[in-house]
């Protein structure tokens, strides 16, 4: 099964930046995008998604709410919350949802740990 990363951010530029960083680290991974939580839910209902990187500040439901919904539906999916809003409460909520916290602006170095860990988890997951 191909590895597909869902990138959720209301900023097209931010989605491009995250996509480029992922492409540099895992060139074989497919990338799909969503501009908000509702679009992200539609994507995961339409196709298999292996992992997701979700922006925190979005119109409608925030990224942590989306991550909590995804965690309930996909208990083992690697999830990350990306935000420039570095507050203890947000970091704690991300951890409570078993999601990685990634500070924005997202860089290749900034997501390397999450991507590497996700790759290991996905390789060892039962098929």
N, C-alpha and C. Protein backbone atom coordinates (compact mmCIF):
# COMPACT_ATOMS: atom_id res chain seq x y z
N UNK A 1 0.84 -1.19 0.00
CA UNK A 1 0.00 0.00 0.00
C UNK A 1 0.88 1.25 0.00
N UNK A 2 0.55 2.20 -0.84
CA UNK A 2 1.30 3.45 -0.90
C UNK A 2 1.06 4.24 0.38
N UNK A 3 2.07 4.99 0.79
CA UNK A 3 1.93 5.86 1.96
C UNK A 3 1.39 7.19 1.49
N UNK A 4 0.28 7.62 2.09
CA UNK A 4 -0.35 8.88 1.73
C UNK A 4 -0.40 9.79 2.94
N UNK A 5 0.12 11.01 2.76
CA UNK A 5 0.13 12.01 3.82
C UNK A 5 -0.97 13.02 3.53
N UNK A 6 -1.80 13.27 4.54
CA UNK A 6 -2.82 14.32 4.44
C UNK A 6 -2.26 15.57 5.10
N UNK A 7 -2.21 16.67 4.33
CA UNK A 7 -1.74 17.96 4.83
C UNK A 7 -2.95 18.86 4.93
N UNK A 8 -3.27 19.30 6.15
CA UNK A 8 -4.46 20.11 6.38
C UNK A 8 -4.03 21.48 6.89
N UNK A 9 -4.32 22.51 6.11
CA UNK A 9 -3.99 23.88 6.49
C UNK A 9 -4.83 24.81 5.64
N UNK A 10 -5.35 25.88 6.24
CA UNK A 10 -6.15 26.82 5.47
C UNK A 10 -5.29 27.71 4.57
N UNK A 11 -3.98 27.67 4.75
CA UNK A 11 -3.06 28.44 3.91
C UNK A 11 -2.47 27.54 2.83
N UNK A 12 -2.73 27.86 1.57
CA UNK A 12 -2.18 27.10 0.45
C UNK A 12 -0.65 27.12 0.50
N UNK A 13 -0.07 28.27 0.82
CA UNK A 13 1.38 28.38 0.92
C UNK A 13 1.93 27.43 1.99
N UNK A 14 1.27 27.38 3.13
CA UNK A 14 1.72 26.47 4.20
C UNK A 14 1.65 25.02 3.74
N UNK A 15 0.59 24.66 3.00
CA UNK A 15 0.47 23.29 2.49
C UNK A 15 1.61 22.98 1.52
N UNK A 16 1.97 23.96 0.69
CA UNK A 16 3.08 23.77 -0.26
C UNK A 16 4.39 23.56 0.50
N UNK A 17 4.64 24.38 1.52
CA UNK A 17 5.88 24.28 2.31
C UNK A 17 5.98 22.91 2.98
N UNK A 18 4.89 22.46 3.61
CA UNK A 18 4.90 21.14 4.26
C UNK A 18 5.09 20.05 3.21
N UNK A 19 4.40 20.17 2.09
CA UNK A 19 4.52 19.18 1.02
C UNK A 19 5.94 19.06 0.50
N UNK A 20 6.62 20.18 0.34
CA UNK A 20 8.01 20.16 -0.15
C UNK A 20 8.93 19.50 0.87
N UNK A 21 8.72 19.79 2.15
CA UNK A 21 9.54 19.19 3.19
C UNK A 21 9.34 17.67 3.21
N UNK A 22 8.10 17.23 3.08
CA UNK A 22 7.82 15.79 3.06
C UNK A 22 8.45 15.16 1.82
N UNK A 23 8.32 15.82 0.67
CA UNK A 23 8.90 15.29 -0.57
C UNK A 23 10.41 15.14 -0.45
N UNK A 24 11.06 16.04 0.25
CA UNK A 24 12.51 15.96 0.42
C UNK A 24 12.90 14.78 1.32
N UNK A 25 12.05 14.50 2.32
CA UNK A 25 12.35 13.43 3.27
C UNK A 25 11.87 12.06 2.81
N UNK A 26 10.73 12.03 2.15
CA UNK A 26 10.12 10.77 1.70
C UNK A 26 9.56 10.99 0.29
N UNK A 27 10.43 11.01 -0.73
CA UNK A 27 9.98 11.34 -2.08
C UNK A 27 8.93 10.38 -2.65
N UNK A 28 8.84 9.17 -2.14
CA UNK A 28 7.87 8.21 -2.66
C UNK A 28 6.48 8.33 -2.06
N UNK A 29 6.33 9.14 -1.03
CA UNK A 29 5.03 9.28 -0.39
C UNK A 29 4.12 10.18 -1.20
N UNK A 30 2.86 9.79 -1.30
CA UNK A 30 1.86 10.63 -1.97
C UNK A 30 1.38 11.68 -0.96
N UNK A 31 1.00 12.84 -1.48
CA UNK A 31 0.51 13.92 -0.63
C UNK A 31 -0.86 14.36 -1.12
N UNK A 32 -1.80 14.48 -0.19
CA UNK A 32 -3.12 15.03 -0.49
C UNK A 32 -3.34 16.19 0.47
N UNK A 33 -4.16 17.13 0.04
CA UNK A 33 -4.34 18.36 0.83
C UNK A 33 -5.81 18.61 1.13
N UNK A 34 -6.00 19.34 2.23
CA UNK A 34 -7.32 19.84 2.60
C UNK A 34 -7.14 21.22 3.22
N UNK A 35 -8.11 22.10 2.99
CA UNK A 35 -8.01 23.46 3.48
C UNK A 35 -8.69 23.69 4.83
N UNK A 36 -9.42 22.68 5.31
CA UNK A 36 -10.08 22.81 6.61
C UNK A 36 -10.47 21.41 7.11
N UNK A 37 -11.04 21.36 8.30
CA UNK A 37 -11.38 20.07 8.91
C UNK A 37 -12.43 19.31 8.11
N UNK A 38 -13.43 20.00 7.59
CA UNK A 38 -14.47 19.32 6.82
C UNK A 38 -13.89 18.68 5.56
N UNK A 39 -13.01 19.41 4.86
CA UNK A 39 -12.37 18.85 3.67
C UNK A 39 -11.50 17.64 4.05
N UNK A 40 -10.83 17.73 5.20
CA UNK A 40 -9.97 16.63 5.65
C UNK A 40 -10.79 15.37 5.91
N UNK A 41 -11.95 15.52 6.55
CA UNK A 41 -12.82 14.38 6.81
C UNK A 41 -13.29 13.78 5.49
N UNK A 42 -13.62 14.63 4.52
CA UNK A 42 -14.04 14.12 3.21
C UNK A 42 -12.91 13.33 2.55
N UNK A 43 -11.67 13.78 2.69
CA UNK A 43 -10.53 13.08 2.10
C UNK A 43 -10.38 11.69 2.73
N UNK A 44 -10.41 11.62 4.07
CA UNK A 44 -10.20 10.31 4.71
C UNK A 44 -11.37 9.36 4.48
N UNK A 45 -12.54 9.90 4.17
CA UNK A 45 -13.67 9.03 3.82
C UNK A 45 -13.58 8.54 2.38
N UNK A 46 -12.86 9.29 1.52
CA UNK A 46 -12.79 8.95 0.10
C UNK A 46 -11.60 8.05 -0.24
N UNK A 47 -10.55 8.07 0.56
CA UNK A 47 -9.35 7.31 0.22
C UNK A 47 -8.56 6.98 1.48
N UNK A 48 -7.73 5.95 1.41
CA UNK A 48 -6.89 5.62 2.56
C UNK A 48 -5.82 6.70 2.78
N UNK A 49 -5.65 7.09 4.03
CA UNK A 49 -4.63 8.05 4.41
C UNK A 49 -3.77 7.38 5.48
N UNK A 50 -2.45 7.50 5.34
CA UNK A 50 -1.53 6.83 6.26
C UNK A 50 -1.18 7.68 7.47
N UNK A 51 -1.04 8.98 7.27
CA UNK A 51 -0.69 9.90 8.35
C UNK A 51 -1.16 11.29 7.99
N UNK A 52 -1.20 12.18 8.99
CA UNK A 52 -1.70 13.54 8.73
C UNK A 52 -0.90 14.56 9.52
N UNK A 53 -0.70 15.72 8.88
CA UNK A 53 -0.13 16.90 9.54
C UNK A 53 -1.19 17.97 9.44
N UNK A 54 -1.63 18.48 10.60
CA UNK A 54 -2.80 19.34 10.68
C UNK A 54 -2.43 20.67 11.32
N UNK A 55 -2.82 21.75 10.67
CA UNK A 55 -2.65 23.10 11.23
C UNK A 55 -3.60 23.26 12.42
N UNK A 56 -3.20 24.05 13.41
CA UNK A 56 -4.08 24.29 14.55
C UNK A 56 -5.14 25.36 14.24
N UNK A 57 -4.70 26.53 13.77
CA UNK A 57 -5.61 27.65 13.55
C UNK A 57 -6.24 27.58 12.17
N UNK A 58 -7.51 27.17 12.14
CA UNK A 58 -8.25 27.10 10.88
C UNK A 58 -9.67 27.57 11.12
N UNK A 59 -10.33 28.07 10.07
CA UNK A 59 -11.74 28.43 10.24
C UNK A 59 -12.57 27.17 10.52
N UNK A 60 -13.66 27.34 11.23
CA UNK A 60 -14.47 26.17 11.61
C UNK A 60 -13.81 25.47 12.78
N UNK A 61 -13.72 24.16 12.69
CA UNK A 61 -13.08 23.39 13.76
C UNK A 61 -11.57 23.59 13.72
N UNK A 62 -10.97 23.72 14.90
CA UNK A 62 -9.52 23.88 14.93
C UNK A 62 -8.84 22.53 14.71
N UNK A 63 -7.55 22.59 14.49
CA UNK A 63 -6.79 21.39 14.17
C UNK A 63 -6.76 20.35 15.28
N UNK A 64 -6.76 20.78 16.53
CA UNK A 64 -6.76 19.81 17.62
C UNK A 64 -8.08 19.04 17.68
N UNK A 65 -9.17 19.71 17.40
CA UNK A 65 -10.46 19.03 17.35
C UNK A 65 -10.44 17.99 16.24
N UNK A 66 -9.89 18.36 15.08
CA UNK A 66 -9.78 17.41 13.97
C UNK A 66 -8.88 16.24 14.34
N UNK A 67 -7.75 16.51 14.97
CA UNK A 67 -6.83 15.45 15.37
C UNK A 67 -7.53 14.49 16.35
N UNK A 68 -8.31 15.03 17.28
CA UNK A 68 -9.04 14.18 18.22
C UNK A 68 -10.05 13.30 17.49
N UNK A 69 -10.71 13.86 16.46
CA UNK A 69 -11.66 13.07 15.65
C UNK A 69 -10.92 11.98 14.87
N UNK A 70 -9.79 12.33 14.26
CA UNK A 70 -9.02 11.35 13.51
C UNK A 70 -8.49 10.26 14.43
N UNK A 71 -8.04 10.63 15.62
CA UNK A 71 -7.51 9.66 16.57
C UNK A 71 -8.60 8.66 16.96
N UNK A 72 -9.83 9.14 17.15
CA UNK A 72 -10.94 8.25 17.51
C UNK A 72 -11.23 7.26 16.38
N UNK A 73 -11.11 7.71 15.14
CA UNK A 73 -11.41 6.84 13.99
C UNK A 73 -10.23 5.96 13.59
N UNK A 74 -9.02 6.47 13.77
CA UNK A 74 -7.81 5.77 13.34
C UNK A 74 -6.81 5.76 14.49
N UNK A 75 -6.99 4.84 15.44
CA UNK A 75 -6.20 4.87 16.68
C UNK A 75 -4.68 4.79 16.50
N UNK A 76 -4.21 4.18 15.40
CA UNK A 76 -2.76 4.03 15.24
C UNK A 76 -2.16 4.98 14.20
N UNK A 77 -2.97 5.83 13.59
CA UNK A 77 -2.46 6.73 12.55
C UNK A 77 -1.48 7.75 13.15
N UNK A 78 -0.29 7.90 12.57
CA UNK A 78 0.60 8.97 13.01
C UNK A 78 -0.02 10.34 12.69
N UNK A 79 -0.14 11.18 13.71
CA UNK A 79 -0.75 12.50 13.56
C UNK A 79 0.18 13.56 14.14
N UNK A 80 0.17 14.74 13.51
CA UNK A 80 0.94 15.87 14.02
C UNK A 80 0.11 17.13 13.93
N UNK A 81 0.30 18.02 14.90
CA UNK A 81 -0.33 19.33 14.89
C UNK A 81 0.78 20.35 14.64
N UNK A 82 0.60 21.17 13.62
CA UNK A 82 1.59 22.19 13.27
C UNK A 82 1.00 23.56 13.55
N UNK A 83 1.72 24.37 14.32
CA UNK A 83 1.22 25.71 14.61
C UNK A 83 2.34 26.63 15.07
N UNK A 84 2.15 27.91 14.83
CA UNK A 84 3.05 28.93 15.38
C UNK A 84 2.60 29.32 16.78
N UNK A 85 1.43 28.83 17.19
CA UNK A 85 0.83 29.14 18.48
C UNK A 85 1.40 28.17 19.53
N UNK A 86 2.62 28.46 19.98
CA UNK A 86 3.33 27.56 20.89
C UNK A 86 2.92 27.89 22.33
N UNK A 87 1.87 27.24 22.78
CA UNK A 87 1.39 27.43 24.14
C UNK A 87 1.34 26.06 24.82
N UNK A 88 1.59 26.06 26.13
CA UNK A 88 1.59 24.79 26.87
C UNK A 88 0.27 24.05 26.71
N UNK A 89 -0.85 24.76 26.71
CA UNK A 89 -2.15 24.11 26.61
C UNK A 89 -2.30 23.37 25.27
N UNK A 90 -1.86 23.99 24.20
CA UNK A 90 -1.96 23.37 22.88
C UNK A 90 -1.04 22.16 22.78
N UNK A 91 0.17 22.30 23.29
CA UNK A 91 1.11 21.17 23.29
C UNK A 91 0.54 20.02 24.13
N UNK A 92 -0.03 20.34 25.28
CA UNK A 92 -0.61 19.31 26.15
C UNK A 92 -1.79 18.61 25.47
N UNK A 93 -2.65 19.37 24.79
CA UNK A 93 -3.78 18.75 24.10
C UNK A 93 -3.30 17.87 22.95
N UNK A 94 -2.26 18.30 22.24
CA UNK A 94 -1.70 17.47 21.17
C UNK A 94 -1.19 16.15 21.75
N UNK A 95 -0.45 16.24 22.84
CA UNK A 95 0.08 15.02 23.47
C UNK A 95 -1.04 14.12 23.98
N UNK A 96 -2.09 14.73 24.53
CA UNK A 96 -3.22 13.95 25.04
C UNK A 96 -3.90 13.17 23.92
N UNK A 97 -3.85 13.72 22.71
CA UNK A 97 -4.44 13.05 21.54
C UNK A 97 -3.42 12.12 20.87
N UNK A 98 -2.27 11.94 21.52
CA UNK A 98 -1.20 11.11 20.98
C UNK A 98 -0.74 11.63 19.61
N UNK A 99 -0.59 12.95 19.53
CA UNK A 99 -0.13 13.61 18.30
C UNK A 99 1.19 14.33 18.58
N UNK A 100 2.01 14.42 17.57
CA UNK A 100 3.27 15.15 17.65
C UNK A 100 3.00 16.63 17.47
N UNK A 101 3.71 17.47 18.22
CA UNK A 101 3.61 18.92 18.07
C UNK A 101 4.76 19.37 17.19
N UNK A 102 4.44 20.15 16.14
CA UNK A 102 5.45 20.71 15.24
C UNK A 102 5.28 22.22 15.21
N UNK A 103 6.34 22.93 15.55
CA UNK A 103 6.29 24.39 15.54
C UNK A 103 6.41 24.91 14.11
N UNK A 104 5.62 25.94 13.81
CA UNK A 104 5.73 26.62 12.52
C UNK A 104 6.70 27.78 12.66
N UNK A 105 7.36 28.19 11.61
CA UNK A 105 7.21 27.66 10.26
C UNK A 105 7.81 26.26 10.15
N UNK A 106 7.11 25.40 9.42
CA UNK A 106 7.54 24.02 9.24
C UNK A 106 8.76 23.99 8.32
N UNK A 107 9.77 23.26 8.79
CA UNK A 107 10.99 23.07 7.98
C UNK A 107 11.25 21.57 7.87
N UNK A 108 12.13 21.24 6.97
CA UNK A 108 12.53 19.85 6.81
C UNK A 108 13.07 19.31 8.13
N UNK A 109 13.95 20.08 8.78
CA UNK A 109 14.50 19.65 10.06
C UNK A 109 13.40 19.54 11.12
N UNK A 110 12.44 20.45 11.07
CA UNK A 110 11.37 20.48 12.06
C UNK A 110 10.43 19.29 12.00
N UNK A 111 10.27 18.69 10.81
CA UNK A 111 9.35 17.55 10.71
C UNK A 111 10.08 16.22 10.54
N UNK A 112 11.40 16.26 10.47
CA UNK A 112 12.17 15.03 10.24
C UNK A 112 11.84 13.95 11.27
N UNK A 113 11.81 14.31 12.55
CA UNK A 113 11.53 13.33 13.60
C UNK A 113 10.17 12.70 13.44
N UNK A 114 9.16 13.53 13.15
CA UNK A 114 7.80 13.00 12.99
C UNK A 114 7.74 12.07 11.78
N UNK A 115 8.31 12.50 10.66
CA UNK A 115 8.27 11.70 9.43
C UNK A 115 9.04 10.38 9.62
N UNK A 116 10.20 10.44 10.25
CA UNK A 116 10.98 9.22 10.49
C UNK A 116 10.23 8.25 11.39
N UNK A 117 9.67 8.79 12.47
CA UNK A 117 8.90 7.94 13.39
C UNK A 117 7.67 7.35 12.71
N UNK A 118 7.00 8.15 11.89
CA UNK A 118 5.82 7.66 11.18
C UNK A 118 6.20 6.54 10.21
N UNK A 119 7.33 6.72 9.52
CA UNK A 119 7.77 5.70 8.57
C UNK A 119 8.03 4.38 9.29
N UNK A 120 8.66 4.43 10.44
CA UNK A 120 8.94 3.22 11.21
C UNK A 120 7.63 2.58 11.67
N UNK A 121 6.72 3.38 12.20
CA UNK A 121 5.44 2.84 12.67
C UNK A 121 4.65 2.21 11.52
N UNK A 122 4.66 2.86 10.37
CA UNK A 122 3.90 2.35 9.23
C UNK A 122 4.50 1.04 8.70
N UNK A 123 5.82 0.95 8.71
CA UNK A 123 6.47 -0.29 8.24
C UNK A 123 6.17 -1.46 9.18
N UNK A 124 6.04 -1.18 10.47
CA UNK A 124 5.83 -2.26 11.43
C UNK A 124 4.34 -2.54 11.68
N UNK A 125 3.46 -1.74 11.10
CA UNK A 125 2.02 -1.93 11.31
C UNK A 125 1.54 -3.17 10.56
N UNK A 126 0.61 -3.90 11.16
CA UNK A 126 0.06 -5.05 10.44
C UNK A 126 -0.67 -4.60 9.19
N UNK A 127 -0.56 -5.37 8.14
CA UNK A 127 -1.19 -5.02 6.86
C UNK A 127 -2.57 -5.62 6.78
